[in-house]
Amino acid sequence: RLKEVLEKCGDDWPKEFDPNDISLYEIVQKEFEGQEVA
């Protein structure tokens, strides 16, 4: 969703959007990947 907003808006972001949030979620996603069983 955030990548779609970034692609659509470019540098003209909505107030509630910060493209840096993508990397924060990606950090957690990478940490959890492969841990679905354990």
Full PDB file with SEQRES, HELIX, SHEET, SSBOND, CRYST1, ORIGX, SCALE, CONECT and MASTER records, all heavy atoms in Angstrom:
SEQRES   1 A   38  ARG LEU LYS GLU VAL LEU GLU LYS CYS GLY ASP ASP TRP          
SEQRES   2 A   38  PRO LYS GLU PHE ASP PRO ASN ASP ILE SER LEU TYR GLU          
SEQRES   3 A   38  ILE VAL GLN LYS GLU PHE GLU GLY GLN GLU VAL ALA              
HELIX    1 AA1 LEU A    2  CYS A    9  1                                   8    
HELIX    2 AA2 ASN A   20  PHE A   32  1                                  13    
CRYST1    1.000    1.000    1.000  90.00  90.00  90.00 P 1           1          
ORIGX1      1.000000  0.000000  0.000000        0.00000                         
ORIGX2      0.000000  1.000000  0.000000        0.00000                         
ORIGX3      0.000000  0.000000  1.000000        0.00000                         
SCALE1      1.000000  0.000000  0.000000        0.00000                         
SCALE2      0.000000  1.000000  0.000000        0.00000                         
SCALE3      0.000000  0.000000  1.000000        0.00000                         
ATOM      1  N   ARG A   1       0.827  -1.213   0.000  1.00  0.00           N  
ATOM      2  CA  ARG A   1       0.000   0.000   0.000  1.00  0.00           C  
ATOM      3  C   ARG A   1       0.860   1.261   0.000  1.00  0.00           C  
ATOM      4  O   ARG A   1       0.637   2.198  -0.774  1.00  0.00           O  
ATOM      5  CB  ARG A   1      -0.939   0.002   1.214  1.00  0.00           C  
ATOM      6  CG  ARG A   1      -1.926   1.177   1.233  1.00  0.00           C  
ATOM      7  CD  ARG A   1      -2.688   1.233   2.551  1.00  0.00           C  
ATOM      8  NE  ARG A   1      -1.880   1.732   3.642  1.00  0.00           N  
ATOM      9  CZ  ARG A   1      -1.578   3.021   3.847  1.00  0.00           C  
ATOM     10  NH1 ARG A   1      -2.003   3.943   3.018  1.00  0.00           N  
ATOM     11  NH2 ARG A   1      -0.849   3.387   4.876  1.00  0.00           N  
ATOM     12  N   LEU A   2       1.882   1.271   0.854  1.00  0.00           N  
ATOM     13  CA  LEU A   2       2.752   2.446   0.948  1.00  0.00           C  
ATOM     14  C   LEU A   2       3.553   2.661  -0.331  1.00  0.00           C  
ATOM     15  O   LEU A   2       3.745   3.801  -0.768  1.00  0.00           O  
ATOM     16  CB  LEU A   2       3.685   2.308   2.148  1.00  0.00           C  
ATOM     17  CG  LEU A   2       3.004   2.378   3.518  1.00  0.00           C  
ATOM     18  CD1 LEU A   2       3.999   2.044   4.621  1.00  0.00           C  
ATOM     19  CD2 LEU A   2       2.357   3.730   3.740  1.00  0.00           C  
ATOM     20  N   LYS A   3       4.005   1.587  -0.951  1.00  0.00           N  
ATOM     21  CA  LYS A   3       4.740   1.707  -2.218  1.00  0.00           C  
ATOM     22  C   LYS A   3       3.837   2.246  -3.327  1.00  0.00           C  
ATOM     23  O   LYS A   3       4.276   3.028  -4.171  1.00  0.00           O  
ATOM     24  CB  LYS A   3       5.352   0.371  -2.616  1.00  0.00           C  
ATOM     25  CG  LYS A   3       6.570   0.024  -1.781  1.00  0.00           C  
ATOM     26  CD  LYS A   3       7.195  -1.287  -2.206  1.00  0.00           C  
ATOM     27  CE  LYS A   3       8.466  -1.545  -1.402  1.00  0.00           C  
ATOM     28  NZ  LYS A   3       9.114  -2.809  -1.776  1.00  0.00           N  
ATOM     29  N   GLU A   4       2.564   1.846  -3.309  1.00  0.00           N  
ATOM     30  CA  GLU A   4       1.611   2.369  -4.287  1.00  0.00           C  
ATOM     31  C   GLU A   4       1.383   3.862  -4.084  1.00  0.00           C  
ATOM     32  O   GLU A   4       1.301   4.624  -5.051  1.00  0.00           O  
ATOM     33  CB  GLU A   4       0.286   1.604  -4.206  1.00  0.00           C  
ATOM     34  CG  GLU A   4       0.383   0.197  -4.764  1.00  0.00           C  
ATOM     35  CD  GLU A   4      -0.851  -0.650  -4.497  1.00  0.00           C  
ATOM     36  OE1 GLU A   4      -1.791  -0.187  -3.797  1.00  0.00           O  
ATOM     37  OE2 GLU A   4      -0.869  -1.796  -4.984  1.00  0.00           O  
ATOM     38  N   VAL A   5       1.285   4.289  -2.830  1.00  0.00           N  
ATOM     39  CA  VAL A   5       1.132   5.723  -2.540  1.00  0.00           C  
ATOM     40  C   VAL A   5       2.357   6.475  -3.039  1.00  0.00           C  
ATOM     41  O   VAL A   5       2.237   7.511  -3.695  1.00  0.00           O  
ATOM     42  CB  VAL A   5       0.919   5.977  -1.029  1.00  0.00           C  
ATOM     43  CG1 VAL A   5       0.982   7.464  -0.709  1.00  0.00           C  
ATOM     44  CG2 VAL A   5      -0.400   5.382  -0.568  1.00  0.00           C  
ATOM     45  N   LEU A   6       3.531   5.956  -2.760  1.00  0.00           N  
ATOM     46  CA  LEU A   6       4.776   6.608  -3.189  1.00  0.00           C  
ATOM     47  C   LEU A   6       4.832   6.706  -4.706  1.00  0.00           C  
ATOM     48  O   LEU A   6       5.182   7.759  -5.256  1.00  0.00           O  
ATOM     49  CB  LEU A   6       5.987   5.829  -2.656  1.00  0.00           C  
ATOM     50  CG  LEU A   6       7.359   6.385  -3.021  1.00  0.00           C  
ATOM     51  CD1 LEU A   6       7.528   7.805  -2.506  1.00  0.00           C  
ATOM     52  CD2 LEU A   6       8.451   5.482  -2.462  1.00  0.00           C  
ATOM     53  N   GLU A   7       4.484   5.625  -5.383  1.00  0.00           N  
ATOM     54  CA  GLU A   7       4.507   5.619  -6.849  1.00  0.00           C  
ATOM     55  C   GLU A   7       3.515   6.631  -7.422  1.00  0.00           C  
ATOM     56  O   GLU A   7       3.819   7.344  -8.374  1.00  0.00           O  
ATOM     57  CB  GLU A   7       4.175   4.214  -7.354  1.00  0.00           C  
ATOM     58  CG  GLU A   7       4.316   4.066  -8.848  1.00  0.00           C  
ATOM     59  CD  GLU A   7       4.060   2.644  -9.289  1.00  0.00           C  
ATOM     60  OE1 GLU A   7       4.723   1.727  -8.776  1.00  0.00           O  
ATOM     61  OE2 GLU A   7       3.186   2.457 -10.165  1.00  0.00           O  
ATOM     62  N   LYS A   8       2.347   6.698  -6.806  1.00  0.00           N  
ATOM     63  CA  LYS A   8       1.291   7.588  -7.290  1.00  0.00           C  
ATOM     64  C   LYS A   8       1.613   9.060  -7.017  1.00  0.00           C  
ATOM     65  O   LYS A   8       1.363   9.924  -7.852  1.00  0.00           O  
ATOM     66  CB  LYS A   8      -0.027   7.212  -6.619  1.00  0.00           C  
ATOM     67  CG  LYS A   8      -1.203   8.043  -7.040  1.00  0.00           C  
ATOM     68  CD  LYS A   8      -2.460   7.589  -6.331  1.00  0.00           C  
ATOM     69  CE  LYS A   8      -3.620   8.493  -6.640  1.00  0.00           C  
ATOM     70  NZ  LYS A   8      -4.819   8.122  -5.885  1.00  0.00           N  
ATOM     71  N   CYS A   9       2.158   9.343  -5.839  1.00  0.00           N  
ATOM     72  CA  CYS A   9       2.330  10.737  -5.409  1.00  0.00           C  
ATOM     73  C   CYS A   9       3.719  11.305  -5.682  1.00  0.00           C  
ATOM     74  O   CYS A   9       3.883  12.532  -5.650  1.00  0.00           O  
ATOM     75  CB  CYS A   9       2.034  10.851  -3.919  1.00  0.00           C  
ATOM     76  SG  CYS A   9       0.337  10.413  -3.537  1.00  0.00           S  
ATOM     77  N   GLY A  10       4.706  10.452  -5.872  1.00  0.00           N  
ATOM     78  CA  GLY A  10       6.060  10.950  -6.064  1.00  0.00           C  
ATOM     79  C   GLY A  10       6.513  11.757  -4.864  1.00  0.00           C  
ATOM     80  O   GLY A  10       6.402  11.312  -3.731  1.00  0.00           O  
ATOM     81  N   ASP A  11       6.988  12.969  -5.113  1.00  0.00           N  
ATOM     82  CA  ASP A  11       7.464  13.828  -4.023  1.00  0.00           C  
ATOM     83  C   ASP A  11       6.357  14.648  -3.373  1.00  0.00           C  
ATOM     84  O   ASP A  11       6.591  15.364  -2.407  1.00  0.00           O  
ATOM     85  CB  ASP A  11       8.554  14.776  -4.535  1.00  0.00           C  
ATOM     86  CG  ASP A  11       9.836  14.040  -4.868  1.00  0.00           C  
ATOM     87  OD1 ASP A  11      10.070  12.955  -4.298  1.00  0.00           O  
ATOM     88  OD2 ASP A  11      10.611  14.548  -5.702  1.00  0.00           O  
ATOM     89  N   ASP A  12       5.151  14.578  -3.899  1.00  0.00           N  
ATOM     90  CA  ASP A  12       4.015  15.327  -3.371  1.00  0.00           C  
ATOM     91  C   ASP A  12       3.182  14.423  -2.457  1.00  0.00           C  
ATOM     92  O   ASP A  12       2.057  14.052  -2.753  1.00  0.00           O  
ATOM     93  CB  ASP A  12       3.160  15.862  -4.521  1.00  0.00           C  
ATOM     94  CG  ASP A  12       2.111  16.841  -4.043  1.00  0.00           C  
ATOM     95  OD1 ASP A  12       2.316  17.468  -2.980  1.00  0.00           O  
ATOM     96  OD2 ASP A  12       1.087  16.967  -4.726  1.00  0.00           O  
ATOM     97  N   TRP A  13       3.748  14.057  -1.305  1.00  0.00           N  
ATOM     98  CA  TRP A  13       3.138  13.092  -0.388  1.00  0.00           C  
ATOM     99  C   TRP A  13       1.962  13.680   0.363  1.00  0.00           C  
ATOM    100  O   TRP A  13       1.978  14.843   0.733  1.00  0.00           O  
ATOM    101  CB  TRP A  13       4.143  12.627   0.667  1.00  0.00           C  
ATOM    102  CG  TRP A  13       5.464  12.212   0.166  1.00  0.00           C  
ATOM    103  CD1 TRP A  13       5.744  11.595  -1.018  1.00  0.00           C  
ATOM    104  CD2 TRP A  13       6.708  12.377   0.828  1.00  0.00           C  
ATOM    105  NE1 TRP A  13       7.082  11.349  -1.116  1.00  0.00           N  
ATOM    106  CE2 TRP A  13       7.703  11.826   0.002  1.00  0.00           C  
ATOM    107  CE3 TRP A  13       7.074  12.913   2.042  1.00  0.00           C  
ATOM    108  CZ2 TRP A  13       9.044  11.807   0.354  1.00  0.00           C  
ATOM    109  CZ3 TRP A  13       8.411  12.901   2.402  1.00  0.00           C  
ATOM    110  CH2 TRP A  13       9.376  12.357   1.565  1.00  0.00           C  
ATOM    111  N   PRO A  14       0.984  12.826   0.677  1.00  0.00           N  
ATOM    112  CA  PRO A  14      -0.079  13.260   1.594  1.00  0.00           C  
ATOM    113  C   PRO A  14       0.506  13.484   2.993  1.00  0.00           C  
ATOM    114  O   PRO A  14       1.561  12.930   3.327  1.00  0.00           O  
ATOM    115  CB  PRO A  14      -1.049  12.068   1.608  1.00  0.00           C  
ATOM    116  CG  PRO A  14      -0.589  11.115   0.572  1.00  0.00           C  
ATOM    117  CD  PRO A  14       0.790  11.488   0.165  1.00  0.00           C  
ATOM    118  N   LYS A  15      -0.170  14.273   3.812  1.00  0.00           N  
ATOM    119  CA  LYS A  15       0.326  14.584   5.158  1.00  0.00           C  
ATOM    120  C   LYS A  15       0.622  13.353   5.996  1.00  0.00           C  
ATOM    121  O   LYS A  15       1.602  13.297   6.721  1.00  0.00           O  
ATOM    122  CB  LYS A  15      -0.691  15.443   5.909  1.00  0.00           C  
ATOM    123  CG  LYS A  15      -0.577  16.886   5.672  1.00  0.00           C  
ATOM    124  CD  LYS A  15      -1.575  17.599   6.560  1.00  0.00           C  
ATOM    125  CE  LYS A  15      -1.149  19.019   6.778  1.00  0.00           C  
ATOM    126  NZ  LYS A  15      -2.055  19.738   7.638  1.00  0.00           N  
ATOM    127  N   GLU A  16      -0.262  12.347   5.928  1.00  0.00           N  
ATOM    128  CA  GLU A  16      -0.126  11.170   6.787  1.00  0.00           C  
ATOM    129  C   GLU A  16       0.862  10.147   6.244  1.00  0.00           C  
ATOM    130  O   GLU A  16       1.049   9.099   6.843  1.00  0.00           O  
ATOM    131  CB  GLU A  16      -1.498  10.515   6.995  1.00  0.00           C  
ATOM    132  CG  GLU A  16      -2.094   9.861   5.771  1.00  0.00           C  
ATOM    133  CD  GLU A  16      -2.759  10.822   4.785  1.00  0.00           C  
ATOM    134  OE1 GLU A  16      -2.886  12.018   5.055  1.00  0.00           O  
ATOM    135  OE2 GLU A  16      -3.149  10.340   3.718  1.00  0.00           O  
ATOM    136  N   PHE A  17       1.530  10.455   5.129  1.00  0.00           N  
ATOM    137  CA  PHE A  17       2.427   9.501   4.487  1.00  0.00           C  
ATOM    138  C   PHE A  17       3.880   9.908   4.667  1.00  0.00           C  
ATOM    139  O   PHE A  17       4.240  11.054   4.493  1.00  0.00           O  
ATOM    140  CB  PHE A  17       2.101   9.405   2.992  1.00  0.00           C  
ATOM    141  CG  PHE A  17       3.019   8.503   2.234  1.00  0.00           C  
ATOM    142  CD1 PHE A  17       2.904   7.128   2.341  1.00  0.00           C  
ATOM    143  CD2 PHE A  17       4.006   9.019   1.421  1.00  0.00           C  
ATOM    144  CE1 PHE A  17       3.751   6.284   1.648  1.00  0.00           C  
ATOM    145  CE2 PHE A  17       4.861   8.186   0.721  1.00  0.00           C  
ATOM    146  CZ  PHE A  17       4.731   6.810   0.838  1.00  0.00           C  
ATOM    147  N   ASP A  18       4.716   8.943   4.997  1.00  0.00           N  
ATOM    148  CA  ASP A  18       6.159   9.139   5.060  1.00  0.00           C  
ATOM    149  C   ASP A  18       6.797   7.929   4.386  1.00  0.00           C  
ATOM    150  O   ASP A  18       6.642   6.806   4.871  1.00  0.00           O  
ATOM    151  CB  ASP A  18       6.621   9.249   6.507  1.00  0.00           C  
ATOM    152  CG  ASP A  18       8.111   9.511   6.629  1.00  0.00           C  
ATOM    153  OD1 ASP A  18       8.857   9.319   5.650  1.00  0.00           O  
ATOM    154  OD2 ASP A  18       8.549   9.906   7.728  1.00  0.00           O  
ATOM    155  N   PRO A  19       7.503   8.123   3.275  1.00  0.00           N  
ATOM    156  CA  PRO A  19       8.078   6.978   2.568  1.00  0.00           C  
ATOM    157  C   PRO A  19       9.091   6.195   3.405  1.00  0.00           C  
ATOM    158  O   PRO A  19       9.354   5.024   3.125  1.00  0.00           O  
ATOM    159  CB  PRO A  19       8.729   7.590   1.332  1.00  0.00           C  
ATOM    160  CG  PRO A  19       8.925   9.029   1.653  1.00  0.00           C  
ATOM    161  CD  PRO A  19       7.840   9.394   2.624  1.00  0.00           C  
ATOM    162  N   ASN A  20       9.622   6.799   4.455  1.00  0.00           N  
ATOM    163  CA  ASN A  20      10.553   6.086   5.333  1.00  0.00           C  
ATOM    164  C   ASN A  20       9.861   4.970   6.121  1.00  0.00           C  
ATOM    165  O   ASN A  20      10.519   4.045   6.593  1.00  0.00           O  
ATOM    166  CB  ASN A  20      11.227   7.059   6.298  1.00  0.00           C  
ATOM    167  CG  ASN A  20      12.099   8.044   5.560  1.00  0.00           C  
ATOM    168  OD1 ASN A  20      12.830   7.689   4.649  1.00  0.00           O  
ATOM    169  ND2 ASN A  20      11.994   9.305   5.931  1.00  0.00           N  
ATOM    170  N   ASP A  21       8.545   5.042   6.242  1.00  0.00           N  
ATOM    171  CA  ASP A  21       7.796   3.996   6.946  1.00  0.00           C  
ATOM    172  C   ASP A  21       7.957   2.645   6.250  1.00  0.00           C  
ATOM    173  O   ASP A  21       7.945   1.601   6.909  1.00  0.00           O  
ATOM    174  CB  ASP A  21       6.315   4.347   7.035  1.00  0.00           C  
ATOM    175  CG  ASP A  21       6.040   5.574   7.901  1.00  0.00           C  
ATOM    176  OD1 ASP A  21       6.995   6.086   8.533  1.00  0.00           O  
ATOM    177  OD2 ASP A  21       4.883   6.016   7.932  1.00  0.00           O  
ATOM    178  N   ILE A  22       8.118   2.662   4.942  1.00  0.00           N  
ATOM    179  CA  ILE A  22       8.287   1.413   4.192  1.00  0.00           C  
ATOM    180  C   ILE A  22       9.467   0.624   4.742  1.00  0.00           C  
ATOM    181  O   ILE A  22       9.356  -0.569   5.008  1.00  0.00           O  
ATOM    182  CB  ILE A  22       8.466   1.691   2.678  1.00  0.00           C  
ATOM    183  CG1 ILE A  22       7.210   2.340   2.103  1.00  0.00           C  
ATOM    184  CG2 ILE A  22       8.814   0.401   1.927  1.00  0.00           C  
ATOM    185  CD1 ILE A  22       7.375   2.910   0.704  1.00  0.00           C  
ATOM    186  N   SER A  23      10.591   1.288   4.940  1.00  0.00           N  
ATOM    187  CA  SER A  23      11.780   0.581   5.421  1.00  0.00           C  
ATOM    188  C   SER A  23      11.599   0.067   6.848  1.00  0.00           C  
ATOM    189  O   SER A  23      12.130  -0.991   7.199  1.00  0.00           O  
ATOM    190  CB  SER A  23      13.024   1.458   5.317  1.00  0.00           C  
ATOM    191  OG  SER A  23      12.900   2.594   6.137  1.00  0.00           O  
ATOM    192  N   LEU A  24      10.822   0.767   7.663  1.00  0.00           N  
ATOM    193  CA  LEU A  24      10.563   0.292   9.028  1.00  0.00           C  
ATOM    194  C   LEU A  24       9.793  -1.025   8.998  1.00  0.00           C  
ATOM    195  O   LEU A  24      10.120  -1.960   9.728  1.00  0.00           O  
ATOM    196  CB  LEU A  24       9.789   1.335   9.827  1.00  0.00           C  
ATOM    197  CG  LEU A  24      10.526   2.645  10.100  1.00  0.00           C  
ATOM    198  CD1 LEU A  24       9.591   3.660  10.730  1.00  0.00           C  
ATOM    199  CD2 LEU A  24      11.737   2.410  10.963  1.00  0.00           C  
ATOM    200  N   TYR A  25       8.783  -1.088   8.152  1.00  0.00           N  
ATOM    201  CA  TYR A  25       8.013  -2.331   8.031  1.00  0.00           C  
ATOM    202  C   TYR A  25       8.853  -3.446   7.403  1.00  0.00           C  
ATOM    203  O   TYR A  25       8.727  -4.607   7.783  1.00  0.00           O  
ATOM    204  CB  TYR A  25       6.739  -2.102   7.222  1.00  0.00           C  
ATOM    205  CG  TYR A  25       5.715  -1.271   7.954  1.00  0.00           C  
ATOM    206  CD1 TYR A  25       5.245  -0.074   7.435  1.00  0.00           C  
ATOM    207  CD2 TYR A  25       5.209  -1.682   9.181  1.00  0.00           C  
ATOM    208  CE1 TYR A  25       4.305   0.681   8.102  1.00  0.00           C  
ATOM    209  CE2 TYR A  25       4.264  -0.925   9.864  1.00  0.00           C  
ATOM    210  CZ  TYR A  25       3.822   0.257   9.319  1.00  0.00           C  
ATOM    211  OH  TYR A  25       2.889   0.997   9.998  1.00  0.00           O  
ATOM    212  N   GLU A  26       9.708  -3.095   6.459  1.00  0.00           N  
ATOM    213  CA  GLU A  26      10.558  -4.104   5.811  1.00  0.00           C  
ATOM    214  C   GLU A  26      11.551  -4.717   6.796  1.00  0.00           C  
ATOM    215  O   GLU A  26      11.868  -5.902   6.712  1.00  0.00           O  
ATOM    216  CB  GLU A  26      11.286  -3.512   4.608  1.00  0.00           C  
ATOM    217  CG  GLU A  26      10.373  -3.269   3.432  1.00  0.00           C  
ATOM    218  CD  GLU A  26      11.033  -2.563   2.263  1.00  0.00           C  
ATOM    219  OE1 GLU A  26      12.041  -1.845   2.459  1.00  0.00           O  
ATOM    220  OE2 GLU A  26      10.527  -2.709   1.145  1.00  0.00           O  
ATOM    221  N   ILE A  27      12.019  -3.934   7.750  1.00  0.00           N  
ATOM    222  CA  ILE A  27      12.927  -4.454   8.781  1.00  0.00           C  
ATOM    223  C   ILE A  27      12.242  -5.564   9.573  1.00  0.00           C  
ATOM    224  O   ILE A  27      12.808  -6.636   9.786  1.00  0.00           O  
ATOM    225  CB  ILE A  27      13.394  -3.316   9.724  1.00  0.00           C  
ATOM    226  CG1 ILE A  27      14.358  -2.381   8.994  1.00  0.00           C  
ATOM    227  CG2 ILE A  27      14.028  -3.873  11.006  1.00  0.00           C  
ATOM    228  CD1 ILE A  27      14.648  -1.086   9.729  1.00  0.00           C  
ATOM    229  N   VAL A  28      11.017  -5.308  10.016  1.00  0.00           N  
ATOM    230  CA  VAL A  28      10.278  -6.305  10.785  1.00  0.00           C  
ATOM    231  C   VAL A  28       9.939  -7.509   9.901  1.00  0.00           C  
ATOM    232  O   VAL A  28      10.092  -8.657  10.322  1.00  0.00           O  
ATOM    233  CB  VAL A  28       8.994  -5.701  11.395  1.00  0.00           C  
ATOM    234  CG1 VAL A  28       8.205  -6.755  12.160  1.00  0.00           C  
ATOM    235  CG2 VAL A  28       9.327  -4.534  12.312  1.00  0.00           C  
ATOM    236  N   GLN A  29       9.541  -7.259   8.675  1.00  0.00           N  
ATOM    237  CA  GLN A  29       9.197  -8.343   7.754  1.00  0.00           C  
ATOM    238  C   GLN A  29      10.393  -9.285   7.559  1.00  0.00           C  
ATOM    239  O   GLN A  29      10.239 -10.506   7.634  1.00  0.00           O  
ATOM    240  CB  GLN A  29       8.755  -7.761   6.412  1.00  0.00           C  
ATOM    241  CG  GLN A  29       8.299  -8.808   5.412  1.00  0.00           C  
ATOM    242  CD  GLN A  29       7.931  -8.181   4.086  1.00  0.00           C  
ATOM    243  OE1 GLN A  29       8.612  -7.275   3.602  1.00  0.00           O  
ATOM    244  NE2 GLN A  29       6.840  -8.660   3.493  1.00  0.00           N  
ATOM    245  N   LYS A  30      11.569  -8.726   7.344  1.00  0.00           N  
ATOM    246  CA  LYS A  30      12.769  -9.556   7.154  1.00  0.00           C  
ATOM    247  C   LYS A  30      13.091 -10.367   8.406  1.00  0.00           C  
ATOM    248  O   LYS A  30      13.526 -11.502   8.324  1.00  0.00           O  
ATOM    249  CB  LYS A  30      13.950  -8.686   6.752  1.00  0.00           C  
ATOM    250  CG  LYS A  30      13.855  -8.209   5.330  1.00  0.00           C  
ATOM    251  CD  LYS A  30      15.000  -7.316   4.941  1.00  0.00           C  
ATOM    252  CE  LYS A  30      14.759  -6.830   3.529  1.00  0.00           C  
ATOM    253  NZ  LYS A  30      15.259  -5.522   3.268  1.00  0.00           N  
ATOM    254  N   GLU A  31      12.864  -9.774   9.560  1.00  0.00           N  
ATOM    255  CA  GLU A  31      13.117 -10.465  10.826  1.00  0.00           C  
ATOM    256  C   GLU A  31      12.167 -11.655  11.008  1.00  0.00           C  
ATOM    257  O   GLU A  31      12.568 -12.685  11.543  1.00  0.00           O  
ATOM    258  CB  GLU A  31      12.944  -9.484  11.989  1.00  0.00           C  
ATOM    259  CG  GLU A  31      13.274 -10.037  13.334  1.00  0.00           C  
ATOM    260  CD  GLU A  31      14.754 -10.264  13.561  1.00  0.00           C  
ATOM    261  OE1 GLU A  31      15.564  -9.546  12.958  1.00  0.00           O  
ATOM    262  OE2 GLU A  31      15.087 -11.163  14.350  1.00  0.00           O  
ATOM    263  N   PHE A  32      10.944 -11.518  10.556  1.00  0.00           N  
ATOM    264  CA  PHE A  32       9.932 -12.550  10.759  1.00  0.00           C  
ATOM    265  C   PHE A  32       9.903 -13.618   9.666  1.00  0.00           C  
ATOM    266  O   PHE A  32       9.397 -14.700   9.891  1.00  0.00           O  
ATOM    267  CB  PHE A  32       8.545 -11.925  10.857  1.00  0.00           C  
ATOM    268  CG  PHE A  32       8.297 -11.169  12.136  1.00  0.00           C  
ATOM    269  CD1 PHE A  32       7.115 -10.496  12.313  1.00  0.00           C  
ATOM    270  CD2 PHE A  32       9.236 -11.108  13.156  1.00  0.00           C  
ATOM    271  CE1 PHE A  32       6.856  -9.789  13.477  1.00  0.00           C  
ATOM    272  CE2 PHE A  32       8.999 -10.412  14.324  1.00  0.00           C  
ATOM    273  CZ  PHE A  32       7.798  -9.751  14.481  1.00  0.00           C  
ATOM    274  N   GLU A  33      10.414 -13.293   8.476  1.00  0.00           N  
ATOM    275  CA  GLU A  33      10.377 -14.260   7.381  1.00  0.00           C  
ATOM    276  C   GLU A  33      11.106 -15.541   7.777  1.00  0.00           C  
ATOM    277  O   GLU A  33      12.189 -15.507   8.336  1.00  0.00           O  
ATOM    278  CB  GLU A  33      10.984 -13.672   6.115  1.00  0.00           C  
ATOM    279  CG  GLU A  33      10.061 -12.686   5.439  1.00  0.00           C  
ATOM    280  CD  GLU A  33      10.675 -11.993   4.242  1.00  0.00           C  
ATOM    281  OE1 GLU A  33      11.919 -12.017   4.074  1.00  0.00           O  
ATOM    282  OE2 GLU A  33       9.901 -11.397   3.475  1.00  0.00           O  
ATOM    283  N   GLY A  34      10.484 -16.672   7.485  1.00  0.00           N  
ATOM    284  CA  GLY A  34      11.059 -17.962   7.826  1.00  0.00           C  
ATOM    285  C   GLY A  34      10.791 -18.396   9.254  1.00  0.00           C  
ATOM    286  O   GLY A  34      11.212 -19.467   9.673  1.00  0.00           O  
ATOM    287  N   GLN A  35      10.073 -17.586  10.023  1.00  0.00           N  
ATOM    288  CA  GLN A  35       9.791 -17.897  11.423  1.00  0.00           C  
ATOM    289  C   GLN A  35       8.337 -18.303  11.646  1.00  0.00           C  
ATOM    290  O   GLN A  35       7.872 -18.336  12.776  1.00  0.00           O  
ATOM    291  CB  GLN A  35      10.117 -16.683  12.308  1.00  0.00           C  
ATOM    292  CG  GLN A  35      11.534 -16.188  12.195  1.00  0.00           C  
ATOM    293  CD  GLN A  35      12.540 -17.239  12.592  1.00  0.00           C  
ATOM    294  OE1 GLN A  35      12.336 -17.988  13.536  1.00  0.00           O  
ATOM    295  NE2 GLN A  35      13.635 -17.323  11.868  1.00  0.00           N  
ATOM    296  N   GLU A  36       7.636 -18.638  10.561  1.00  0.00           N  
ATOM    297  CA  GLU A  36       6.208 -18.945  10.655  1.00  0.00           C  
ATOM    298  C   GLU A  36       5.927 -20.166  11.518  1.00  0.00           C  
ATOM    299  O   GLU A  36       4.852 -20.304  12.082  1.00  0.00           O  
ATOM    300  CB  GLU A  36       5.596 -19.168   9.268  1.00  0.00           C  
ATOM    301  CG  GLU A  36       5.632 -17.943   8.384  1.00  0.00           C  
ATOM    302  CD  GLU A  36       6.871 -17.907   7.491  1.00  0.00           C  
ATOM    303  OE1 GLU A  36       7.948 -18.384   7.894  1.00  0.00           O  
ATOM    304  OE2 GLU A  36       6.747 -17.396   6.373  1.00  0.00           O  
ATOM    305  N   VAL A  37       6.872 -21.081  11.622  1.00  0.00           N  
ATOM    306  CA  VAL A  37       6.661 -22.297  12.412  1.00  0.00           C  
ATOM    307  C   VAL A  37       7.168 -22.125  13.839  1.00  0.00           C  
ATOM    308  O   VAL A  37       6.494 -22.470  14.798  1.00  0.00           O  
ATOM    309  CB  VAL A  37       7.345 -23.509  11.733  1.00  0.00           C  
ATOM    310  CG1 VAL A  37       7.237 -24.739  12.612  1.00  0.00           C  
ATOM    311  CG2 VAL A  37       6.725 -23.766  10.373  1.00  0.00           C  
ATOM    312  N   ALA A  38       8.352 -21.561  13.978  1.00  0.00           N  
ATOM    313  CA  ALA A  38       8.991 -21.470  15.294  1.00  0.00           C  
ATOM    314  C   ALA A  38       8.488 -20.310  16.141  1.00  0.00           C  
ATOM    315  O   ALA A  38       8.528 -20.361  17.364  1.00  0.00           O  
ATOM    316  CB  ALA A  38      10.499 -21.344  15.127  1.00  0.00           C  
TER     317      ALA A  38                                                      
MASTER        0    0    0    2    0    0    0    6  316    1    0    3          
END                                                                             
